[in-house]
Structure formats: structure tokens, C-alpha cells
Amino acid sequence: MENYIRFEAINEEFGTQFAEQFQPFDDVPTLVAKAVYGASGSSKSWEELDDKKQSKKESKAKKRLNRGAVENMTLARLEEVDAEGEVMSWLAAISLQSQ
């Protein structure tokens, strides 16, 4: 789902500076976690962090993407990343199942 969040919505949530939309198979939580960590000014590089710390940061990014960044999405932004309406069809199907 994170690949359907417009980069502007992500920038608004995280204060990042992404300049273009992520590709369909990009690992968005990892890319965002790396960018946030890189902007933190830490003396260690991302690669120097152990797997557990990287995973924790990726998990936090995923949660913020699916809560905070999603709140920054508009219908227009969704239509830009999902011109074929795939996400809207998923949401409609979920809505029907919950009735």
C-alpha cells in the first residue's frame, strides 16, 4: 500500500525531500527510514546499523506511512498514483464485505 502514497504526502509527514513518486516495487518503508535516519545527523551511516535497529526504524516508518502520510492523501493524489482505480476498487470491496 505504501507505494500508492504520493511522495508529497510522505514529505509532509516526515519532513523529507523526495522529488518523485516511488516505483511499484520499491521498498518505501526502508527508503523513508533511510532518508529520515540520514537527515538525523547521526555519525553512523545506515549501513553501520545492525539489522535489528534498521528493522525497528523501518517498522516505525511503515506505521507512520500508513497513519500520518495516508492522512495527507487526497482523492486527486490517489488518482495521480492509481489512475486505473485499483485502490478504490479494493476499498469498495472491503466496504461491501463489512456491511
PDB file of N, CA and C in Angstrom:
ATOM      1  N   MET A   1       0.814  -1.208   0.000  1.00  0.00           N
ATOM      2  CA  MET A   1       0.000   0.000   0.000  1.00  0.00           C
ATOM      3  C   MET A   1       0.852   1.265   0.000  1.00  0.00           C
ATOM      4  N   GLU A   2       2.015   1.205   0.620  1.00  0.00           N
ATOM      5  CA  GLU A   2       2.848   2.412   0.736  1.00  0.00           C
ATOM      6  C   GLU A   2       3.239   2.981  -0.628  1.00  0.00           C
ATOM      7  N   ASN A   3       3.277   2.124  -1.635  1.00  0.00           N
ATOM      8  CA  ASN A   3       3.651   2.589  -2.970  1.00  0.00           C
ATOM      9  C   ASN A   3       2.570   3.445  -3.610  1.00  0.00           C
ATOM     10  N   TYR A   4       1.375   3.448  -3.033  1.00  0.00           N
ATOM     11  CA  TYR A   4       0.280   4.281  -3.532  1.00  0.00           C
ATOM     12  C   TYR A   4       0.182   5.615  -2.797  1.00  0.00           C
ATOM     13  N   ILE A   5       1.089   5.883  -1.885  1.00  0.00           N
ATOM     14  CA  ILE A   5       1.095   7.163  -1.178  1.00  0.00           C
ATOM     15  C   ILE A   5       1.974   8.124  -1.969  1.00  0.00           C
ATOM     16  N   ARG A   6       1.411   9.256  -2.333  1.00  0.00           N
ATOM     17  CA  ARG A   6       2.175  10.251  -3.097  1.00  0.00           C
ATOM     18  C   ARG A   6       3.361  10.739  -2.280  1.00  0.00           C
ATOM     19  N   PHE A   7       4.461  10.983  -2.975  1.00  0.00           N
ATOM     20  CA  PHE A   7       5.680  11.428  -2.299  1.00  0.00           C
ATOM     21  C   PHE A   7       5.474  12.747  -1.560  1.00  0.00           C
ATOM     22  N   GLU A   8       4.574  13.590  -2.055  1.00  0.00           N
ATOM     23  CA  GLU A   8       4.306  14.861  -1.346  1.00  0.00           C
ATOM     24  C   GLU A   8       3.691  14.590   0.027  1.00  0.00           C
ATOM     25  N   ALA A   9       2.788  13.616   0.099  1.00  0.00           N
ATOM     26  CA  ALA A   9       2.162  13.258   1.372  1.00  0.00           C
ATOM     27  C   ALA A   9       3.206  12.702   2.344  1.00  0.00           C
ATOM     28  N   ILE A  10       4.162  11.960   1.801  1.00  0.00           N
ATOM     29  CA  ILE A  10       5.246  11.420   2.624  1.00  0.00           C
ATOM     30  C   ILE A  10       6.141  12.552   3.114  1.00  0.00           C
ATOM     31  N   ASN A  11       6.481  13.469   2.224  1.00  0.00           N
ATOM     32  CA  ASN A  11       7.302  14.615   2.621  1.00  0.00           C
ATOM     33  C   ASN A  11       6.629  15.439   3.713  1.00  0.00           C
ATOM     34  N   GLU A  12       5.328  15.617   3.603  1.00  0.00           N
ATOM     35  CA  GLU A  12       4.590  16.385   4.609  1.00  0.00           C
ATOM     36  C   GLU A  12       4.623  15.694   5.963  1.00  0.00           C
ATOM     37  N   GLU A  13       4.547  14.379   5.987  1.00  0.00           N
ATOM     38  CA  GLU A  13       4.558  13.631   7.247  1.00  0.00           C
ATOM     39  C   GLU A  13       5.945  13.573   7.873  1.00  0.00           C
ATOM     40  N   PHE A  14       6.967  13.342   7.056  1.00  0.00           N
ATOM     41  CA  PHE A  14       8.301  13.078   7.585  1.00  0.00           C
ATOM     42  C   PHE A  14       9.268  14.255   7.473  1.00  0.00           C
ATOM     43  N   GLY A  15       8.900  15.287   6.729  1.00  0.00           N
ATOM     44  CA  GLY A  15       9.837  16.391   6.518  1.00  0.00           C
ATOM     45  C   GLY A  15      10.969  15.999   5.579  1.00  0.00           C
ATOM     46  N   THR A  16      10.723  15.003   4.740  1.00  0.00           N
ATOM     47  CA  THR A  16      11.726  14.539   3.780  1.00  0.00           C
ATOM     48  C   THR A  16      11.658  15.382   2.514  1.00  0.00           C
ATOM     49  N   GLN A  17      12.565  15.104   1.603  1.00  0.00           N
ATOM     50  CA  GLN A  17      12.665  15.891   0.370  1.00  0.00           C
ATOM     51  C   GLN A  17      12.603  15.007  -0.875  1.00  0.00           C
ATOM     52  N   PHE A  18      11.746  14.000  -0.863  1.00  0.00           N
ATOM     53  CA  PHE A  18      11.618  13.161  -2.055  1.00  0.00           C
ATOM     54  C   PHE A  18      11.069  14.025  -3.188  1.00  0.00           C
ATOM     55  N   ALA A  19      11.603  13.821  -4.399  1.00  0.00           N
ATOM     56  CA  ALA A  19      11.237  14.674  -5.529  1.00  0.00           C
ATOM     57  C   ALA A  19      10.416  13.961  -6.589  1.00  0.00           C
ATOM     58  N   GLU A  20      10.225  12.663  -6.426  1.00  0.00           N
ATOM     59  CA  GLU A  20       9.433  11.933  -7.417  1.00  0.00           C
ATOM     60  C   GLU A  20       8.751  10.738  -6.768  1.00  0.00           C
ATOM     61  N   GLN A  21       7.774  10.217  -7.481  1.00  0.00           N
ATOM     62  CA  GLN A  21       6.986   9.108  -6.965  1.00  0.00           C
ATOM     63  C   GLN A  21       7.814   7.825  -6.925  1.00  0.00           C
ATOM     64  N   PHE A  22       7.565   7.033  -5.913  1.00  0.00           N
ATOM     65  CA  PHE A  22       8.228   5.742  -5.810  1.00  0.00           C
ATOM     66  C   PHE A  22       7.711   4.816  -6.904  1.00  0.00           C
ATOM     67  N   GLN A  23       8.520   3.847  -7.250  1.00  0.00           N
ATOM     68  CA  GLN A  23       8.156   2.870  -8.271  1.00  0.00           C
ATOM     69  C   GLN A  23       7.347   1.740  -7.626  1.00  0.00           C
ATOM     70  N   PRO A  24       6.584   0.999  -8.427  1.00  0.00           N
ATOM     71  CA  PRO A  24       5.678  -0.018  -7.880  1.00  0.00           C
ATOM     72  C   PRO A  24       6.319  -1.047  -6.946  1.00  0.00           C
ATOM     73  N   PHE A  25       7.561  -1.401  -7.159  1.00  0.00           N
ATOM     74  CA  PHE A  25       8.165  -2.442  -6.331  1.00  0.00           C
ATOM     75  C   PHE A  25       9.234  -1.907  -5.383  1.00  0.00           C
ATOM     76  N   ASP A  26       9.295  -0.582  -5.196  1.00  0.00           N
ATOM     77  CA  ASP A  26      10.224  -0.002  -4.226  1.00  0.00           C
ATOM     78  C   ASP A  26       9.796  -0.378  -2.810  1.00  0.00           C
ATOM     79  N   ASP A  27      10.766  -0.558  -1.939  1.00  0.00           N
ATOM     80  CA  ASP A  27      10.504  -0.808  -0.527  1.00  0.00           C
ATOM     81  C   ASP A  27      10.400   0.551   0.162  1.00  0.00           C
ATOM     82  N   VAL A  28       9.220   1.147   0.100  1.00  0.00           N
ATOM     83  CA  VAL A  28       9.017   2.515   0.569  1.00  0.00           C
ATOM     84  C   VAL A  28       9.365   2.683   2.049  1.00  0.00           C
ATOM     85  N   PRO A  29       8.929   1.798   2.952  1.00  0.00           N
ATOM     86  CA  PRO A  29       9.301   1.990   4.358  1.00  0.00           C
ATOM     87  C   PRO A  29      10.817   2.040   4.578  1.00  0.00           C
ATOM     88  N   THR A  30      11.550   1.200   3.867  1.00  0.00           N
ATOM     89  CA  THR A  30      13.009   1.210   4.003  1.00  0.00           C
ATOM     90  C   THR A  30      13.599   2.491   3.441  1.00  0.00           C
ATOM     91  N   LEU A  31      13.136   2.920   2.270  1.00  0.00           N
ATOM     92  CA  LEU A  31      13.655   4.155   1.677  1.00  0.00           C
ATOM     93  C   LEU A  31      13.368   5.362   2.555  1.00  0.00           C
ATOM     94  N   VAL A  32      12.178   5.398   3.145  1.00  0.00           N
ATOM     95  CA  VAL A  32      11.820   6.511   4.034  1.00  0.00           C
ATOM     96  C   VAL A  32      12.654   6.449   5.314  1.00  0.00           C
ATOM     97  N   ALA A  33      12.793   5.253   5.898  1.00  0.00           N
ATOM     98  CA  ALA A  33      13.586   5.110   7.121  1.00  0.00           C
ATOM     99  C   ALA A  33      15.023   5.555   6.890  1.00  0.00           C
ATOM    100  N   LYS A  34      15.589   5.188   5.748  1.00  0.00           N
ATOM    101  CA  LYS A  34      16.959   5.601   5.419  1.00  0.00           C
ATOM    102  C   LYS A  34      17.053   7.120   5.294  1.00  0.00           C
ATOM    103  N   ALA A  35      16.079   7.728   4.631  1.00  0.00           N
ATOM    104  CA  ALA A  35      16.100   9.187   4.442  1.00  0.00           C
ATOM    105  C   ALA A  35      15.968   9.918   5.772  1.00  0.00           C
ATOM    106  N   VAL A  36      15.059   9.452   6.616  1.00  0.00           N
ATOM    107  CA  VAL A  36      14.863  10.085   7.927  1.00  0.00           C
ATOM    108  C   VAL A  36      16.119   9.925   8.765  1.00  0.00           C
ATOM    109  N   TYR A  37      16.687   8.733   8.763  1.00  0.00           N
ATOM    110  CA  TYR A  37      17.909   8.489   9.526  1.00  0.00           C
ATOM    111  C   TYR A  37      19.062   9.346   8.993  1.00  0.00           C
ATOM    112  N   GLY A  38      19.177   9.414   7.675  1.00  0.00           N
ATOM    113  CA  GLY A  38      20.244  10.212   7.073  1.00  0.00           C
ATOM    114  C   GLY A  38      20.145  11.690   7.433  1.00  0.00           C
ATOM    115  N   ALA A  39      18.920  12.180   7.579  1.00  0.00           N
ATOM    116  CA  ALA A  39      18.714  13.592   7.929  1.00  0.00           C
ATOM    117  C   ALA A  39      18.901  13.856   9.420  1.00  0.00           C
ATOM    118  N   SER A  40      19.022  12.786  10.212  1.00  0.00           N
ATOM    119  CA  SER A  40      19.118  12.954  11.671  1.00  0.00           C
ATOM    120  C   SER A  40      20.471  13.476  12.120  1.00  0.00           C
ATOM    121  N   GLY A  41      21.465  13.403  11.249  1.00  0.00           N
ATOM    122  CA  GLY A  41      22.783  13.895  11.596  1.00  0.00           C
ATOM    123  C   GLY A  41      23.613  12.907  12.404  1.00  0.00           C
ATOM    124  N   SER A  42      23.203  11.671  12.455  1.00  0.00           N
ATOM    125  CA  SER A  42      23.946  10.657  13.194  1.00  0.00           C
ATOM    126  C   SER A  42      25.336  10.469  12.589  1.00  0.00           C
ATOM    127  N   SER A  43      26.284  10.145  13.441  1.00  0.00           N
ATOM    128  CA  SER A  43      27.647   9.927  12.961  1.00  0.00           C
ATOM    129  C   SER A  43      27.793   8.559  12.285  1.00  0.00           C
ATOM    130  N   LYS A  44      26.863   7.649  12.533  1.00  0.00           N
ATOM    131  CA  LYS A  44      26.877   6.333  11.894  1.00  0.00           C
ATOM    132  C   LYS A  44      26.068   6.370  10.608  1.00  0.00           C
ATOM    133  N   SER A  45      26.526   5.649   9.618  1.00  0.00           N
ATOM    134  CA  SER A  45      25.748   5.528   8.384  1.00  0.00           C
ATOM    135  C   SER A  45      24.674   4.463   8.582  1.00  0.00           C
ATOM    136  N   TRP A  46      23.687   4.446   7.702  1.00  0.00           N
ATOM    137  CA  TRP A  46      22.623   3.444   7.759  1.00  0.00           C
ATOM    138  C   TRP A  46      23.220   2.034   7.726  1.00  0.00           C
ATOM    139  N   GLU A  47      24.209   1.831   6.881  1.00  0.00           N
ATOM    140  CA  GLU A  47      24.822   0.524   6.716  1.00  0.00           C
ATOM    141  C   GLU A  47      25.539   0.058   7.981  1.00  0.00           C
ATOM    142  N   GLU A  48      25.939   0.979   8.843  1.00  0.00           N
ATOM    143  CA  GLU A  48      26.623   0.614  10.090  1.00  0.00           C
ATOM    144  C   GLU A  48      25.659   0.158  11.185  1.00  0.00           C
ATOM    145  N   LEU A  49      24.373   0.428  11.006  1.00  0.00           N
ATOM    146  CA  LEU A  49      23.390  -0.019  11.986  1.00  0.00           C
ATOM    147  C   LEU A  49      23.193  -1.521  11.857  1.00  0.00           C
ATOM    148  N   ASP A  50      22.977  -2.186  12.982  1.00  0.00           N
ATOM    149  CA  ASP A  50      22.723  -3.623  12.889  1.00  0.00           C
ATOM    150  C   ASP A  50      21.312  -3.853  12.331  1.00  0.00           C
ATOM    151  N   ASP A  51      21.062  -5.080  11.902  1.00  0.00           N
ATOM    152  CA  ASP A  51      19.788  -5.422  11.261  1.00  0.00           C
ATOM    153  C   ASP A  51      18.593  -5.123  12.156  1.00  0.00           C
ATOM    154  N   LYS A  52      18.745  -5.352  13.449  1.00  0.00           N
ATOM    155  CA  LYS A  52      17.640  -5.125  14.387  1.00  0.00           C
ATOM    156  C   LYS A  52      17.263  -3.639  14.435  1.00  0.00           C
ATOM    157  N   LYS A  53      18.255  -2.753  14.485  1.00  0.00           N
ATOM    158  CA  LYS A  53      17.977  -1.316  14.514  1.00  0.00           C
ATOM    159  C   LYS A  53      17.369  -0.843  13.198  1.00  0.00           C
ATOM    160  N   GLN A  54      17.902  -1.351  12.091  1.00  0.00           N
ATOM    161  CA  GLN A  54      17.331  -0.999  10.795  1.00  0.00           C
ATOM    162  C   GLN A  54      15.874  -1.439  10.722  1.00  0.00           C
ATOM    163  N   SER A  55      15.613  -2.662  11.138  1.00  0.00           N
ATOM    164  CA  SER A  55      14.254  -3.206  11.095  1.00  0.00           C
ATOM    165  C   SER A  55      13.299  -2.395  11.959  1.00  0.00           C
ATOM    166  N   LYS A  56      13.744  -1.976  13.112  1.00  0.00           N
ATOM    167  CA  LYS A  56      12.907  -1.167  14.015  1.00  0.00           C
ATOM    168  C   LYS A  56      12.571   0.180  13.366  1.00  0.00           C
ATOM    169  N   LYS A  57      13.556   0.797  12.744  1.00  0.00           N
ATOM    170  CA  LYS A  57      13.328   2.082  12.075  1.00  0.00           C
ATOM    171  C   LYS A  57      12.391   1.916  10.872  1.00  0.00           C
ATOM    172  N   GLU A  58      12.533   0.820  10.134  1.00  0.00           N
ATOM    173  CA  GLU A  58      11.648   0.537   9.006  1.00  0.00           C
ATOM    174  C   GLU A  58      10.215   0.315   9.485  1.00  0.00           C
ATOM    175  N   SER A  59      10.062  -0.381  10.598  1.00  0.00           N
ATOM    176  CA  SER A  59       8.734  -0.638  11.170  1.00  0.00           C
ATOM    177  C   SER A  59       8.058   0.669  11.593  1.00  0.00           C
ATOM    178  N   LYS A  60       8.823   1.548  12.231  1.00  0.00           N
ATOM    179  CA  LYS A  60       8.276   2.855  12.633  1.00  0.00           C
ATOM    180  C   LYS A  60       7.863   3.661  11.406  1.00  0.00           C
ATOM    181  N   ALA A  61       8.688   3.623  10.366  1.00  0.00           N
ATOM    182  CA  ALA A  61       8.366   4.354   9.140  1.00  0.00           C
ATOM    183  C   ALA A  61       7.084   3.802   8.518  1.00  0.00           C
ATOM    184  N   LYS A  62       6.950   2.476   8.499  1.00  0.00           N
ATOM    185  CA  LYS A  62       5.759   1.846   7.927  1.00  0.00           C
ATOM    186  C   LYS A  62       4.501   2.289   8.678  1.00  0.00           C
ATOM    187  N   LYS A  63       4.573   2.323  10.003  1.00  0.00           N
ATOM    188  CA  LYS A  63       3.429   2.764  10.801  1.00  0.00           C
ATOM    189  C   LYS A  63       3.065   4.214  10.493  1.00  0.00           C
ATOM    190  N   ARG A  64       4.073   5.071  10.425  1.00  0.00           N
ATOM    191  CA  ARG A  64       3.801   6.491  10.134  1.00  0.00           C
ATOM    192  C   ARG A  64       3.289   6.687   8.716  1.00  0.00           C
ATOM    193  N   LEU A  65       3.774   5.886   7.783  1.00  0.00           N
ATOM    194  CA  LEU A  65       3.280   5.969   6.410  1.00  0.00           C
ATOM    195  C   LEU A  65       1.794   5.647   6.363  1.00  0.00           C
ATOM    196  N   ASN A  66       1.417   4.574   7.062  1.00  0.00           N
ATOM    197  CA  ASN A  66       0.039   4.099   6.996  1.00  0.00           C
ATOM    198  C   ASN A  66      -0.914   4.838   7.920  1.00  0.00           C
ATOM    199  N   ARG A  67      -0.404   5.703   8.734  1.00  0.00           N
ATOM    200  CA  ARG A  67      -1.263   6.541   9.583  1.00  0.00           C
ATOM    201  C   ARG A  67      -1.144   8.005   9.163  1.00  0.00           C
ATOM    202  N   GLY A  68       0.020   8.576   9.385  1.00  0.00           N
ATOM    203  CA  GLY A  68       0.220  10.003   9.138  1.00  0.00           C
ATOM    204  C   GLY A  68       0.237  10.395   7.676  1.00  0.00           C
ATOM    205  N   ALA A  69       1.062   9.709   6.886  1.00  0.00           N
ATOM    206  CA  ALA A  69       1.168  10.080   5.473  1.00  0.00           C
ATOM    207  C   ALA A  69      -0.139   9.837   4.739  1.00  0.00           C
ATOM    208  N   VAL A  70      -0.839   8.770   5.092  1.00  0.00           N
ATOM    209  CA  VAL A  70      -2.128   8.476   4.450  1.00  0.00           C
ATOM    210  C   VAL A  70      -3.123   9.608   4.707  1.00  0.00           C
ATOM    211  N   GLU A  71      -3.047  10.212   5.879  1.00  0.00           N
ATOM    212  CA  GLU A  71      -3.943  11.340   6.183  1.00  0.00           C
ATOM    213  C   GLU A  71      -3.685  12.540   5.281  1.00  0.00           C
ATOM    214  N   ASN A  72      -2.502  12.611   4.698  1.00  0.00           N
ATOM    215  CA  ASN A  72      -2.158  13.706   3.787  1.00  0.00           C
ATOM    216  C   ASN A  72      -2.580  13.428   2.349  1.00  0.00           C
ATOM    217  N   MET A  73      -3.131  12.251   2.113  1.00  0.00           N
ATOM    218  CA  MET A  73      -3.581  11.903   0.766  1.00  0.00           C
ATOM    219  C   MET A  73      -4.934  12.544   0.491  1.00  0.00           C
ATOM    220  N   THR A  74      -5.091  12.957  -0.738  1.00  0.00           N
ATOM    221  CA  THR A  74      -6.371  13.469  -1.215  1.00  0.00           C
ATOM    222  C   THR A  74      -6.827  12.579  -2.361  1.00  0.00           C
ATOM    223  N   LEU A  75      -8.057  12.731  -2.770  1.00  0.00           N
ATOM    224  CA  LEU A  75      -8.543  11.957  -3.909  1.00  0.00           C
ATOM    225  C   LEU A  75      -7.701  12.270  -5.146  1.00  0.00           C
ATOM    226  N   ALA A  76      -7.358  13.523  -5.341  1.00  0.00           N
ATOM    227  CA  ALA A  76      -6.542  13.908  -6.500  1.00  0.00           C
ATOM    228  C   ALA A  76      -5.179  13.219  -6.466  1.00  0.00           C
ATOM    229  N   ARG A  77      -4.560  13.164  -5.296  1.00  0.00           N
ATOM    230  CA  ARG A  77      -3.260  12.493  -5.178  1.00  0.00           C
ATOM    231  C   ARG A  77      -3.403  11.002  -5.445  1.00  0.00           C
ATOM    232  N   LEU A  78      -4.452  10.399  -4.930  1.00  0.00           N
ATOM    233  CA  LEU A  78      -4.666   8.976  -5.165  1.00  0.00           C
ATOM    234  C   LEU A  78      -4.859   8.708  -6.649  1.00  0.00           C
ATOM    235  N   GLU A  79      -5.620   9.552  -7.311  1.00  0.00           N
ATOM    236  CA  GLU A  79      -5.845   9.375  -8.745  1.00  0.00           C
ATOM    237  C   GLU A  79      -4.555   9.524  -9.542  1.00  0.00           C
ATOM    238  N   GLU A  80      -3.616  10.344  -9.051  1.00  0.00           N
ATOM    239  CA  GLU A  80      -2.334  10.507  -9.738  1.00  0.00           C
ATOM    240  C   GLU A  80      -1.496   9.229  -9.690  1.00  0.00           C
ATOM    241  N   VAL A  81      -1.533   8.533  -8.555  1.00  0.00           N
ATOM    242  CA  VAL A  81      -0.713   7.320  -8.428  1.00  0.00           C
ATOM    243  C   VAL A  81      -1.468   6.053  -8.814  1.00  0.00           C
ATOM    244  N   ASP A  82      -2.781   6.150  -8.913  1.00  0.00           N
ATOM    245  CA  ASP A  82      -3.604   4.976  -9.208  1.00  0.00           C
ATOM    246  C   ASP A  82      -4.664   5.334 -10.245  1.00  0.00           C
ATOM    247  N   ALA A  83      -4.192   5.688 -11.429  1.00  0.00           N
ATOM    248  CA  ALA A  83      -5.094   6.145 -12.491  1.00  0.00           C
ATOM    249  C   ALA A  83      -6.122   5.088 -12.885  1.00  0.00           C
ATOM    250  N   GLU A  84      -5.803   3.811 -12.686  1.00  0.00           N
ATOM    251  CA  GLU A  84      -6.728   2.741 -13.058  1.00  0.00           C
ATOM    252  C   GLU A  84      -7.755   2.437 -11.970  1.00  0.00           C
ATOM    253  N   GLY A  85      -7.649   3.111 -10.821  1.00  0.00           N
ATOM    254  CA  GLY A  85      -8.640   2.948  -9.761  1.00  0.00           C
ATOM    255  C   GLY A  85      -8.551   1.649  -8.980  1.00  0.00           C
ATOM    256  N   GLU A  86      -7.392   1.043  -8.975  1.00  0.00           N
ATOM    257  CA  GLU A  86      -7.209  -0.229  -8.281  1.00  0.00           C
ATOM    258  C   GLU A  86      -7.490  -0.107  -6.775  1.00  0.00           C
ATOM    259  N   VAL A  87      -6.926   0.916  -6.145  1.00  0.00           N
ATOM    260  CA  VAL A  87      -7.107   1.084  -4.698  1.00  0.00           C
ATOM    261  C   VAL A  87      -8.571   1.357  -4.372  1.00  0.00           C
ATOM    262  N   MET A  88      -9.214   2.178  -5.163  1.00  0.00           N
ATOM    263  CA  MET A  88     -10.627   2.473  -4.922  1.00  0.00           C
ATOM    264  C   MET A  88     -11.469   1.207  -5.034  1.00  0.00           C
ATOM    265  N   SER A  89     -11.126   0.310  -5.969  1.00  0.00           N
ATOM    266  CA  SER A  89     -11.872  -0.935  -6.097  1.00  0.00           C
ATOM    267  C   SER A  89     -11.637  -1.827  -4.878  1.00  0.00           C
ATOM    268  N   TRP A  90     -10.419  -1.821  -4.332  1.00  0.00           N
ATOM    269  CA  TRP A  90     -10.155  -2.594  -3.117  1.00  0.00           C
ATOM    270  C   TRP A  90     -10.990  -2.063  -1.958  1.00  0.00           C
ATOM    271  N   LEU A  91     -11.004  -0.736  -1.821  1.00  0.00           N
ATOM    272  CA  LEU A  91     -11.755  -0.127  -0.724  1.00  0.00           C
ATOM    273  C   LEU A  91     -13.255  -0.392  -0.863  1.00  0.00           C
ATOM    274  N   ALA A  92     -13.748  -0.356  -2.078  1.00  0.00           N
ATOM    275  CA  ALA A  92     -15.166  -0.644  -2.308  1.00  0.00           C
ATOM    276  C   ALA A  92     -15.480  -2.093  -1.942  1.00  0.00           C
ATOM    277  N   ALA A  93     -14.600  -3.014  -2.303  1.00  0.00           N
ATOM    278  CA  ALA A  93     -14.806  -4.428  -1.972  1.00  0.00           C
ATOM    279  C   ALA A  93     -14.780  -4.644  -0.467  1.00  0.00           C
ATOM    280  N   ILE A  94     -13.862  -3.982   0.218  1.00  0.00           N
ATOM    281  CA  ILE A  94     -13.792  -4.086   1.683  1.00  0.00           C
ATOM    282  C   ILE A  94     -15.053  -3.534   2.307  1.00  0.00           C
ATOM    283  N   SER A  95     -15.505  -2.413   1.778  1.00  0.00           N
ATOM    284  CA  SER A  95     -16.732  -1.777   2.304  1.00  0.00           C
ATOM    285  C   SER A  95     -17.934  -2.700   2.157  1.00  0.00           C
ATOM    286  N   LEU A  96     -18.042  -3.371   1.024  1.00  0.00           N
ATOM    287  CA  LEU A  96     -19.151  -4.311   0.796  1.00  0.00           C
ATOM    288  C   LEU A  96     -19.093  -5.504   1.746  1.00  0.00           C
ATOM    289  N   GLN A  97     -17.886  -5.977   2.007  1.00  0.00           N
ATOM    290  CA  GLN A  97     -17.718  -7.130   2.890  1.00  0.00           C
ATOM    291  C   GLN A  97     -18.046  -6.794   4.338  1.00  0.00           C
ATOM    292  N   SER A  98     -17.855  -5.552   4.719  1.00  0.00           N
ATOM    293  CA  SER A  98     -18.084  -5.167   6.112  1.00  0.00           C
ATOM    294  C   SER A  98     -19.552  -4.823   6.379  1.00  0.00           C
ATOM    295  N   GLN A  99     -20.390  -4.836   5.344  1.00  0.00           N
ATOM    296  CA  GLN A  99     -21.800  -4.489   5.524  1.00  0.00           C
ATOM    297  C   GLN A  99     -22.628  -5.684   5.875  1.00  0.00           C
TER     298      GLN A  99
END
